[in-house]
Amino acid sequence: MMSPLVTTAWLEARLHNPGIRIVELRGEVRPPTEPPPHYLTDRAGYEEAHIPNAAFIDWQVDIVEPGSPSNDVASPERFAALMGDLGIGDDTTVVIYDNAANMFACRFRWALRYYGHETVFILDGGWQKWRLEGRPLSAEVPQFEQSTFMPRVNADLKATADDIAGGLAAEALQLIDVRSQAEFLGEVSRAQFGGHIPTAIHLPRSALVADDGTLKPAATLRDACAEKGIALDASDTVLYCNSGVSATYGMLALEVAGARNLRIYDGSWKEWGNDPATPKATGE
């Protein structure tokens, strides 16, 4: 399988390729122990400087369904309209980056793939690596010709709360929680109730990122999975976090490690942890 990652050198050599659309999603997620707001978008940073020809997407607004309490993915119509405005058609290659170790970028990658668009890649190391290497920057906001994007839902990439409940009852589901240790243990929570979904394996996103912000090598990721007892050949693996964002980075890491049959629980803990009826576990 082709790698889902591209390097900074690869992208610099193709900055003006009309078949490639570069997209930035810059922002921040603050710990639940800090005062709100916890979720921030940095459009001002993009307007000050970004990779040349990069478009900007607000990760909190543009690719989510308005009014969704758990920031579910935008409807096909809403998503297709945004892609058309960005000049992203069915044949466009999309390269995505952010300033948060690519968890926002991975969320957009997952959304594109969920709607049937597979020619999408993550800039390994993201904004920080690009800037530290002294690569070209721009403050110009590009304009794009309208394109037609045809959403084709790939239901195999998304799990619902009912899917989780059914999988738990049948003991046929490998669950992976990528949140922090404190959130997994139930010491802090972004939802009404703390803890984790029973049987979930804890693989924090922070353990997947190298010191320079790139994804850790495939062999290192495989070792981390083996240490946690994660089966890369499982028939159904569902990853979750708080609202389906950082879990998509976990999906990327498991793909690079060699796993298949991966899904994202889109509602994640914001949905599960706010439902008094769902089973929950605390501690290890």
C-alpha atoms as a PDB file:
ATOM      1  CA  MET A   1       0.000   0.000   0.000  1.00  0.00           C
ATOM      2  CA  MET A   2       1.208   3.489  -0.797  1.00  0.00           C
ATOM      3  CA  SER A   3       2.320   5.409   2.283  1.00  0.00           C
ATOM      4  CA  PRO A   4      -0.237   7.913   3.619  1.00  0.00           C
ATOM      5  CA  LEU A   5       2.663  10.266   4.411  1.00  0.00           C
ATOM      6  CA  VAL A   6       4.658  12.670   2.237  1.00  0.00           C
ATOM      7  CA  THR A   7       7.842  14.486   3.184  1.00  0.00           C
ATOM      8  CA  THR A   8       8.480  18.216   3.262  1.00  0.00           C
ATOM      9  CA  ALA A   9      10.983  17.845   0.416  1.00  0.00           C
ATOM     10  CA  TRP A  10       8.415  16.007  -1.698  1.00  0.00           C
ATOM     11  CA  LEU A  11       5.842  18.748  -1.201  1.00  0.00           C
ATOM     12  CA  GLU A  12       8.246  21.634  -1.838  1.00  0.00           C
ATOM     13  CA  ALA A  13       9.068  20.136  -5.216  1.00  0.00           C
ATOM     14  CA  ARG A  14       5.356  20.154  -6.090  1.00  0.00           C
ATOM     15  CA  LEU A  15       4.106  23.434  -4.615  1.00  0.00           C
ATOM     16  CA  HIS A  16       2.793  24.676  -7.947  1.00  0.00           C
ATOM     17  CA  ASN A  17       1.402  21.406  -9.268  1.00  0.00           C
ATOM     18  CA  PRO A  18      -2.202  22.204 -10.290  1.00  0.00           C
ATOM     19  CA  GLY A  19      -3.288  18.645  -9.526  1.00  0.00           C
ATOM     20  CA  ILE A  20      -2.352  18.981  -5.844  1.00  0.00           C
ATOM     21  CA  ARG A  21      -4.392  20.883  -3.283  1.00  0.00           C
ATOM     22  CA  ILE A  22      -2.595  21.749  -0.032  1.00  0.00           C
ATOM     23  CA  VAL A  23      -4.831  22.275   2.995  1.00  0.00           C
ATOM     24  CA  GLU A  24      -3.956  23.618   6.433  1.00  0.00           C
ATOM     25  CA  LEU A  25      -5.926  23.027   9.638  1.00  0.00           C
ATOM     26  CA  ARG A  26      -4.213  24.980  12.393  1.00  0.00           C
ATOM     27  CA  GLY A  27      -5.440  25.051  15.971  1.00  0.00           C
ATOM     28  CA  GLU A  28      -5.048  23.758  19.487  1.00  0.00           C
ATOM     29  CA  VAL A  29      -6.680  21.422  22.013  1.00  0.00           C
ATOM     30  CA  ARG A  30      -6.064  22.396  25.617  1.00  0.00           C
ATOM     31  CA  PRO A  31      -6.160  19.925  28.543  1.00  0.00           C
ATOM     32  CA  PRO A  32      -9.554  19.453  30.219  1.00  0.00           C
ATOM     33  CA  THR A  33      -8.053  20.698  33.483  1.00  0.00           C
ATOM     34  CA  GLU A  34      -7.505  24.182  32.004  1.00  0.00           C
ATOM     35  CA  PRO A  35     -10.227  26.839  31.835  1.00  0.00           C
ATOM     36  CA  PRO A  36     -12.311  26.864  28.632  1.00  0.00           C
ATOM     37  CA  PRO A  37     -12.249  27.306  25.746  1.00  0.00           C
ATOM     38  CA  HIS A  38     -10.468  24.016  25.194  1.00  0.00           C
ATOM     39  CA  TYR A  39     -10.738  23.934  21.393  1.00  0.00           C
ATOM     40  CA  LEU A  40      -9.153  26.690  19.335  1.00  0.00           C
ATOM     41  CA  THR A  41      -8.723  27.471  15.652  1.00  0.00           C
ATOM     42  CA  ASP A  42      -5.776  29.593  14.484  1.00  0.00           C
ATOM     43  CA  ARG A  43      -6.939  31.301  11.306  1.00  0.00           C
ATOM     44  CA  ALA A  44      -4.854  34.349  12.218  1.00  0.00           C
ATOM     45  CA  GLY A  45      -1.699  32.239  12.182  1.00  0.00           C
ATOM     46  CA  TYR A  46      -2.566  30.961   8.722  1.00  0.00           C
ATOM     47  CA  GLU A  47      -3.166  34.496   7.434  1.00  0.00           C
ATOM     48  CA  GLU A  48       0.221  35.594   8.785  1.00  0.00           C
ATOM     49  CA  ALA A  49       2.164  32.797   7.069  1.00  0.00           C
ATOM     50  CA  HIS A  50       1.478  29.370   5.583  1.00  0.00           C
ATOM     51  CA  ILE A  51       2.771  26.976   2.968  1.00  0.00           C
ATOM     52  CA  PRO A  52       2.365  28.594  -0.479  1.00  0.00           C
ATOM     53  CA  ASN A  53      -0.937  27.769  -2.214  1.00  0.00           C
ATOM     54  CA  ALA A  54      -2.375  26.200   0.947  1.00  0.00           C
ATOM     55  CA  ALA A  55      -6.078  26.627   1.663  1.00  0.00           C
ATOM     56  CA  PHE A  56      -7.390  26.916   5.220  1.00  0.00           C
ATOM     57  CA  ILE A  57     -10.076  24.825   6.903  1.00  0.00           C
ATOM     58  CA  ASP A  58     -11.534  25.497  10.349  1.00  0.00           C
ATOM     59  CA  TRP A  59     -11.373  22.051  11.958  1.00  0.00           C
ATOM     60  CA  GLN A  60     -14.132  22.929  14.444  1.00  0.00           C
ATOM     61  CA  VAL A  61     -16.639  24.344  11.952  1.00  0.00           C
ATOM     62  CA  ASP A  62     -16.029  23.539   8.299  1.00  0.00           C
ATOM     63  CA  ILE A  63     -15.927  19.744   8.362  1.00  0.00           C
ATOM     64  CA  VAL A  64     -18.389  19.066  11.196  1.00  0.00           C
ATOM     65  CA  GLU A  65     -22.172  18.972  11.213  1.00  0.00           C
ATOM     66  CA  PRO A  66     -23.620  22.135  12.825  1.00  0.00           C
ATOM     67  CA  GLY A  67     -25.277  21.443  16.165  1.00  0.00           C
ATOM     68  CA  SER A  68     -23.648  18.059  16.688  1.00  0.00           C
ATOM     69  CA  PRO A  69     -22.757  17.744  20.402  1.00  0.00           C
ATOM     70  CA  SER A  70     -19.870  15.406  19.563  1.00  0.00           C
ATOM     71  CA  ASN A  71     -18.639  17.237  16.420  1.00  0.00           C
ATOM     72  CA  ASP A  72     -19.740  14.520  14.019  1.00  0.00           C
ATOM     73  CA  VAL A  73     -18.507  14.656  10.438  1.00  0.00           C
ATOM     74  CA  ALA A  74     -20.340  17.051   8.117  1.00  0.00           C
ATOM     75  CA  SER A  75     -23.209  15.794   5.984  1.00  0.00           C
ATOM     76  CA  PRO A  76     -22.385  14.720   2.420  1.00  0.00           C
ATOM     77  CA  GLU A  77     -23.958  17.890   1.025  1.00  0.00           C
ATOM     78  CA  ARG A  78     -22.087  20.214   3.395  1.00  0.00           C
ATOM     79  CA  PHE A  79     -18.801  18.419   2.858  1.00  0.00           C
ATOM     80  CA  ALA A  80     -19.138  18.337  -0.932  1.00  0.00           C
ATOM     81  CA  ALA A  81     -19.919  22.064  -1.058  1.00  0.00           C
ATOM     82  CA  LEU A  82     -16.760  22.892   0.891  1.00  0.00           C
ATOM     83  CA  MET A  83     -14.618  20.651  -1.298  1.00  0.00           C
ATOM     84  CA  GLY A  84     -16.046  22.290  -4.410  1.00  0.00           C
ATOM     85  CA  ASP A  85     -15.208  25.750  -3.059  1.00  0.00           C
ATOM     86  CA  LEU A  86     -11.634  24.614  -2.377  1.00  0.00           C
ATOM     87  CA  GLY A  87     -11.251  23.285  -5.897  1.00  0.00           C
ATOM     88  CA  ILE A  88     -11.052  19.694  -4.702  1.00  0.00           C
ATOM     89  CA  GLY A  89     -12.574  17.360  -7.276  1.00  0.00           C
ATOM     90  CA  ASP A  90     -12.630  13.610  -7.580  1.00  0.00           C
ATOM     91  CA  ASP A  91      -9.197  13.581  -9.263  1.00  0.00           C
ATOM     92  CA  THR A  92      -7.420  16.045  -6.948  1.00  0.00           C
ATOM     93  CA  THR A  93      -4.495  14.901  -4.815  1.00  0.00           C
ATOM     94  CA  VAL A  94      -4.839  16.442  -1.349  1.00  0.00           C
ATOM     95  CA  VAL A  95      -1.921  17.062   1.038  1.00  0.00           C
ATOM     96  CA  ILE A  96      -2.845  18.139   4.569  1.00  0.00           C
ATOM     97  CA  TYR A  97      -0.909  19.576   7.481  1.00  0.00           C
ATOM     98  CA  ASP A  98      -1.398  21.357  10.798  1.00  0.00           C
ATOM     99  CA  ASN A  99       0.570  22.616  13.793  1.00  0.00           C
ATOM    100  CA  ALA A 100      -0.663  19.974  16.259  1.00  0.00           C
ATOM    101  CA  ALA A 101       1.293  16.862  15.275  1.00  0.00           C
ATOM    102  CA  ASN A 102      -1.251  16.363  12.482  1.00  0.00           C
ATOM    103  CA  MET A 103      -4.259  15.268  14.526  1.00  0.00           C
ATOM    104  CA  PHE A 104      -6.480  17.887  12.816  1.00  0.00           C
ATOM    105  CA  ALA A 105      -4.941  16.990   9.465  1.00  0.00           C
ATOM    106  CA  CYS A 106      -5.715  13.323  10.053  1.00  0.00           C
ATOM    107  CA  ARG A 107      -9.321  14.161  10.891  1.00  0.00           C
ATOM    108  CA  PHE A 108      -9.714  15.828   7.503  1.00  0.00           C
ATOM    109  CA  ARG A 109      -7.940  12.899   5.824  1.00  0.00           C
ATOM    110  CA  TRP A 110     -10.399  10.510   7.458  1.00  0.00           C
ATOM    111  CA  ALA A 111     -13.353  12.673   6.384  1.00  0.00           C
ATOM    112  CA  LEU A 112     -12.136  12.687   2.773  1.00  0.00           C
ATOM    113  CA  ARG A 113     -11.697   8.925   2.817  1.00  0.00           C
ATOM    114  CA  TYR A 114     -15.094   8.471   4.478  1.00  0.00           C
ATOM    115  CA  TYR A 115     -16.581  10.291   1.511  1.00  0.00           C
ATOM    116  CA  GLY A 116     -14.703   8.119  -0.958  1.00  0.00           C
ATOM    117  CA  HIS A 117     -11.626  10.238  -1.745  1.00  0.00           C
ATOM    118  CA  GLU A 118      -8.461   8.155  -1.304  1.00  0.00           C
ATOM    119  CA  THR A 119      -5.772  10.315  -2.950  1.00  0.00           C
ATOM    120  CA  VAL A 120      -5.037  12.155   0.276  1.00  0.00           C
ATOM    121  CA  PHE A 121      -1.770  12.402   2.220  1.00  0.00           C
ATOM    122  CA  ILE A 122      -0.412  13.834   5.466  1.00  0.00           C
ATOM    123  CA  LEU A 123       2.644  16.092   5.475  1.00  0.00           C
ATOM    124  CA  ASP A 124       4.874  14.277   7.960  1.00  0.00           C
ATOM    125  CA  GLY A 125       6.051  16.710  10.625  1.00  0.00           C
ATOM    126  CA  GLY A 126       3.527  19.319   9.559  1.00  0.00           C
ATOM    127  CA  TRP A 127       3.887  23.056   9.951  1.00  0.00           C
ATOM    128  CA  GLN A 128       6.671  22.932  12.543  1.00  0.00           C
ATOM    129  CA  LYS A 129       8.966  20.790  10.426  1.00  0.00           C
ATOM    130  CA  TRP A 130       8.307  22.870   7.310  1.00  0.00           C
ATOM    131  CA  ARG A 131       9.107  26.104   9.117  1.00  0.00           C
ATOM    132  CA  LEU A 132      12.165  24.776  10.972  1.00  0.00           C
ATOM    133  CA  GLU A 133      13.653  23.615   7.684  1.00  0.00           C
ATOM    134  CA  GLY A 134      13.343  27.125   6.262  1.00  0.00           C
ATOM    135  CA  ARG A 135      11.042  26.130   3.420  1.00  0.00           C
ATOM    136  CA  PRO A 136       8.964  28.711   1.476  1.00  0.00           C
ATOM    137  CA  LEU A 137       6.185  30.643   3.225  1.00  0.00           C
ATOM    138  CA  SER A 138       3.408  32.872   1.967  1.00  0.00           C
ATOM    139  CA  ALA A 139       0.741  35.212   3.340  1.00  0.00           C
ATOM    140  CA  GLU A 140      -1.275  35.151   0.114  1.00  0.00           C
ATOM    141  CA  VAL A 141      -4.687  33.511   0.388  1.00  0.00           C
ATOM    142  CA  PRO A 142      -5.136  31.511  -2.836  1.00  0.00           C
ATOM    143  CA  GLN A 143      -8.308  31.433  -4.897  1.00  0.00           C
ATOM    144  CA  PHE A 144      -9.482  28.265  -6.613  1.00  0.00           C
ATOM    145  CA  GLU A 145     -11.728  27.424  -9.507  1.00  0.00           C
ATOM    146  CA  GLN A 146     -14.912  25.661  -8.471  1.00  0.00           C
ATOM    147  CA  SER A 147     -14.764  21.873  -8.700  1.00  0.00           C
ATOM    148  CA  THR A 148     -17.288  19.089  -8.387  1.00  0.00           C
ATOM    149  CA  PHE A 149     -16.825  16.658  -5.507  1.00  0.00           C
ATOM    150  CA  MET A 150     -19.063  13.586  -5.484  1.00  0.00           C
ATOM    151  CA  PRO A 151     -19.332  12.132  -1.953  1.00  0.00           C
ATOM    152  CA  ARG A 152     -19.445   8.325  -1.863  1.00  0.00           C
ATOM    153  CA  VAL A 153     -19.839   7.170   1.720  1.00  0.00           C
ATOM    154  CA  ASN A 154     -17.457   4.424   2.836  1.00  0.00           C
ATOM    155  CA  ALA A 155     -19.381   3.113   5.833  1.00  0.00           C
ATOM    156  CA  ASP A 156     -16.525   0.714   6.683  1.00  0.00           C
ATOM    157  CA  LEU A 157     -14.512   3.628   8.109  1.00  0.00           C
ATOM    158  CA  LYS A 158     -17.066   4.787  10.692  1.00  0.00           C
ATOM    159  CA  ALA A 159     -18.489   3.175  13.827  1.00  0.00           C
ATOM    160  CA  THR A 160     -21.541   4.223  15.815  1.00  0.00           C
ATOM    161  CA  ALA A 161     -22.478   3.766  19.464  1.00  0.00           C
ATOM    162  CA  ASP A 162     -24.752   0.892  18.408  1.00  0.00           C
ATOM    163  CA  ASP A 163     -21.805  -0.738  16.625  1.00  0.00           C
ATOM    164  CA  ILE A 164     -19.757  -0.464  19.814  1.00  0.00           C
ATOM    165  CA  ALA A 165     -22.526  -1.911  21.982  1.00  0.00           C
ATOM    166  CA  GLY A 166     -23.059  -4.794  19.556  1.00  0.00           C
ATOM    167  CA  GLY A 167     -19.346  -5.504  19.318  1.00  0.00           C
ATOM    168  CA  LEU A 168     -18.993  -5.568  23.099  1.00  0.00           C
ATOM    169  CA  ALA A 169     -21.921  -7.952  23.456  1.00  0.00           C
ATOM    170  CA  ALA A 170     -20.491 -10.292  20.821  1.00  0.00           C
ATOM    171  CA  GLU A 171     -16.918  -9.940  22.119  1.00  0.00           C
ATOM    172  CA  ALA A 172     -15.920  -9.304  18.515  1.00  0.00           C
ATOM    173  CA  LEU A 173     -14.385  -5.852  18.710  1.00  0.00           C
ATOM    174  CA  GLN A 174     -10.892  -4.514  19.375  1.00  0.00           C
ATOM    175  CA  LEU A 175     -11.261  -1.056  20.917  1.00  0.00           C
ATOM    176  CA  ILE A 176      -8.405   1.438  21.166  1.00  0.00           C
ATOM    177  CA  ASP A 177      -8.556   4.605  23.256  1.00  0.00           C
ATOM    178  CA  VAL A 178      -5.974   7.243  22.244  1.00  0.00           C
ATOM    179  CA  ARG A 179      -6.772   9.830  24.937  1.00  0.00           C
ATOM    180  CA  SER A 180      -4.475  10.790  27.799  1.00  0.00           C
ATOM    181  CA  GLN A 181      -3.776   8.474  30.722  1.00  0.00           C
ATOM    182  CA  ALA A 182      -5.795  10.668  33.089  1.00  0.00           C
ATOM    183  CA  GLU A 183      -8.806  10.611  30.765  1.00  0.00           C
ATOM    184  CA  PHE A 184      -8.580   6.848  30.254  1.00  0.00           C
ATOM    185  CA  LEU A 185      -8.425   6.232  34.012  1.00  0.00           C
ATOM    186  CA  GLY A 186     -11.393   8.522  34.631  1.00  0.00           C
ATOM    187  CA  GLU A 187      -9.425  11.090  36.629  1.00  0.00           C
ATOM    188  CA  VAL A 188     -10.526  13.894  34.280  1.00  0.00           C
ATOM    189  CA  SER A 189     -13.178  13.960  31.580  1.00  0.00           C
ATOM    190  CA  ARG A 190     -14.520  16.144  28.794  1.00  0.00           C
ATOM    191  CA  ALA A 191     -17.927  14.473  29.216  1.00  0.00           C
ATOM    192  CA  GLN A 192     -20.399  14.080  32.069  1.00  0.00           C
ATOM    193  CA  PHE A 193     -18.898  10.761  33.092  1.00  0.00           C
ATOM    194  CA  GLY A 194     -15.239   9.738  33.163  1.00  0.00           C
ATOM    195  CA  GLY A 195     -13.445   6.530  32.311  1.00  0.00           C
ATOM    196  CA  HIS A 196     -13.266   4.465  29.149  1.00  0.00           C
ATOM    197  CA  ILE A 197     -15.296   1.974  27.161  1.00  0.00           C
ATOM    198  CA  PRO A 198     -14.943  -1.512  28.683  1.00  0.00           C
ATOM    199  CA  THR A 199     -12.263  -3.731  27.054  1.00  0.00           C
ATOM    200  CA  ALA A 200     -10.590  -0.684  25.429  1.00  0.00           C
ATOM    201  CA  ILE A 201      -6.815  -0.805  25.084  1.00  0.00           C
ATOM    202  CA  HIS A 202      -5.030   2.415  25.958  1.00  0.00           C
ATOM    203  CA  LEU A 203      -2.661   3.652  23.249  1.00  0.00           C
ATOM    204  CA  PRO A 204      -2.193   7.406  23.813  1.00  0.00           C
ATOM    205  CA  ARG A 205      -1.642   9.498  20.717  1.00  0.00           C
ATOM    206  CA  SER A 206       1.370  11.122  22.380  1.00  0.00           C
ATOM    207  CA  ALA A 207       3.161   7.745  22.288  1.00  0.00           C
ATOM    208  CA  LEU A 208       2.921   7.659  18.494  1.00  0.00           C
ATOM    209  CA  VAL A 209       4.621  10.984  17.765  1.00  0.00           C
ATOM    210  CA  ALA A 210       8.407  11.368  17.471  1.00  0.00           C
ATOM    211  CA  ASP A 211      10.233  14.273  19.091  1.00  0.00           C
ATOM    212  CA  ASP A 212      10.348  16.197  15.807  1.00  0.00           C
ATOM    213  CA  GLY A 213       6.584  15.912  15.308  1.00  0.00           C
ATOM    214  CA  THR A 214       6.770  13.191  12.667  1.00  0.00           C
ATOM    215  CA  LEU A 215       5.055   9.832  12.994  1.00  0.00           C
ATOM    216  CA  LYS A 216       7.289   7.236  14.629  1.00  0.00           C
ATOM    217  CA  PRO A 217       8.748   4.592  12.272  1.00  0.00           C
ATOM    218  CA  ALA A 218       6.619   1.598  11.339  1.00  0.00           C
ATOM    219  CA  ALA A 219       8.787  -0.859  13.289  1.00  0.00           C
ATOM    220  CA  THR A 220       8.523   1.276  16.435  1.00  0.00           C
ATOM    221  CA  LEU A 221       4.757   1.494  16.027  1.00  0.00           C
ATOM    222  CA  ARG A 222       4.497  -2.272  15.616  1.00  0.00           C
ATOM    223  CA  ASP A 223       6.510  -2.759  18.812  1.00  0.00           C
ATOM    224  CA  ALA A 224       4.228  -0.349  20.666  1.00  0.00           C
ATOM    225  CA  CYS A 225       1.164  -2.249  19.475  1.00  0.00           C
ATOM    226  CA  ALA A 226       2.671  -5.592  20.452  1.00  0.00           C
ATOM    227  CA  GLU A 227       3.500  -4.265  23.923  1.00  0.00           C
ATOM    228  CA  LYS A 228      -0.133  -3.217  24.364  1.00  0.00           C
ATOM    229  CA  GLY A 229      -1.521  -6.470  23.007  1.00  0.00           C
ATOM    230  CA  ILE A 230      -3.021  -4.821  19.929  1.00  0.00           C
ATOM    231  CA  ALA A 231      -3.636  -7.288  17.100  1.00  0.00           C
ATOM    232  CA  LEU A 232      -2.817  -5.663  13.768  1.00  0.00           C
ATOM    233  CA  ASP A 233      -4.684  -8.452  11.961  1.00  0.00           C
ATOM    234  CA  ALA A 234      -7.930  -8.063  13.943  1.00  0.00           C
ATOM    235  CA  SER A 235     -11.092  -8.274  11.858  1.00  0.00           C
ATOM    236  CA  ASP A 236     -12.595  -5.131  13.416  1.00  0.00           C
ATOM    237  CA  THR A 237     -10.651  -2.434  15.255  1.00  0.00           C
ATOM    238  CA  VAL A 238     -12.368   0.762  16.376  1.00  0.00           C
ATOM    239  CA  LEU A 239     -10.421   3.768  17.627  1.00  0.00           C
ATOM    240  CA  TYR A 240     -11.892   6.588  19.679  1.00  0.00           C
ATOM    241  CA  CYS A 241     -10.898   9.718  21.577  1.00  0.00           C
ATOM    242  CA  ASN A 242     -13.109  12.593  22.748  1.00  0.00           C
ATOM    243  CA  SER A 243     -14.735  13.645  19.482  1.00  0.00           C
ATOM    244  CA  GLY A 244     -13.109  11.574  16.759  1.00  0.00           C
ATOM    245  CA  VAL A 245     -10.134  13.832  16.034  1.00  0.00           C
ATOM    246  CA  SER A 246      -6.994  12.441  17.676  1.00  0.00           C
ATOM    247  CA  ALA A 247      -8.320   8.923  17.060  1.00  0.00           C
ATOM    248  CA  THR A 248      -7.735   9.503  13.348  1.00  0.00           C
ATOM    249  CA  TYR A 249      -4.035   9.989  14.091  1.00  0.00           C
ATOM    250  CA  GLY A 250      -4.128   6.621  15.827  1.00  0.00           C
ATOM    251  CA  MET A 251      -5.713   5.198  12.684  1.00  0.00           C
ATOM    252  CA  LEU A 252      -2.870   6.633  10.591  1.00  0.00           C
ATOM    253  CA  ALA A 253      -0.286   5.093  12.938  1.00  0.00           C
ATOM    254  CA  LEU A 254      -1.915   1.672  12.843  1.00  0.00           C
ATOM    255  CA  GLU A 255      -2.147   1.823   9.040  1.00  0.00           C
ATOM    256  CA  VAL A 256       1.584   2.536   8.831  1.00  0.00           C
ATOM    257  CA  ALA A 257       2.218  -0.304  11.291  1.00  0.00           C
ATOM    258  CA  GLY A 258       0.370  -2.645   8.934  1.00  0.00           C
ATOM    259  CA  ALA A 259      -3.123  -2.892  10.433  1.00  0.00           C
ATOM    260  CA  ARG A 260      -6.301  -3.123   8.392  1.00  0.00           C
ATOM    261  CA  ASN A 261     -10.041  -3.158   9.145  1.00  0.00           C
ATOM    262  CA  LEU A 262      -9.879   0.117  11.061  1.00  0.00           C
ATOM    263  CA  ARG A 263     -12.834   2.314  11.971  1.00  0.00           C
ATOM    264  CA  ILE A 264     -13.321   5.569  13.870  1.00  0.00           C
ATOM    265  CA  TYR A 265     -16.041   5.935  16.484  1.00  0.00           C
ATOM    266  CA  ASP A 266     -17.129   9.388  15.366  1.00  0.00           C
ATOM    267  CA  GLY A 267     -19.117  10.255  18.503  1.00  0.00           C
ATOM    268  CA  SER A 268     -16.273   9.014  20.735  1.00  0.00           C
ATOM    269  CA  TRP A 269     -16.261   9.842  24.448  1.00  0.00           C
ATOM    270  CA  LYS A 270     -18.267  13.049  23.981  1.00  0.00           C
ATOM    271  CA  GLU A 271     -21.186  10.784  23.020  1.00  0.00           C
ATOM    272  CA  TRP A 272     -20.442   7.660  25.062  1.00  0.00           C
ATOM    273  CA  GLY A 273     -19.440   9.513  28.225  1.00  0.00           C
ATOM    274  CA  ASN A 274     -22.508  11.763  28.166  1.00  0.00           C
ATOM    275  CA  ASP A 275     -24.924   8.843  27.963  1.00  0.00           C
ATOM    276  CA  PRO A 276     -25.825   7.538  31.443  1.00  0.00           C
ATOM    277  CA  ALA A 277     -26.886   4.188  29.954  1.00  0.00           C
ATOM    278  CA  THR A 278     -23.578   3.186  28.360  1.00  0.00           C
ATOM    279  CA  PRO A 279     -21.186   0.896  30.282  1.00  0.00           C
ATOM    280  CA  LYS A 280     -18.022   2.548  31.502  1.00  0.00           C
ATOM    281  CA  ALA A 281     -14.822   1.422  33.160  1.00  0.00           C
ATOM    282  CA  THR A 282     -12.257   3.275  35.247  1.00  0.00           C
ATOM    283  CA  GLY A 283      -8.684   2.451  36.214  1.00  0.00           C
ATOM    284  CA  GLU A 284      -6.451   0.173  34.185  1.00  0.00           C
END
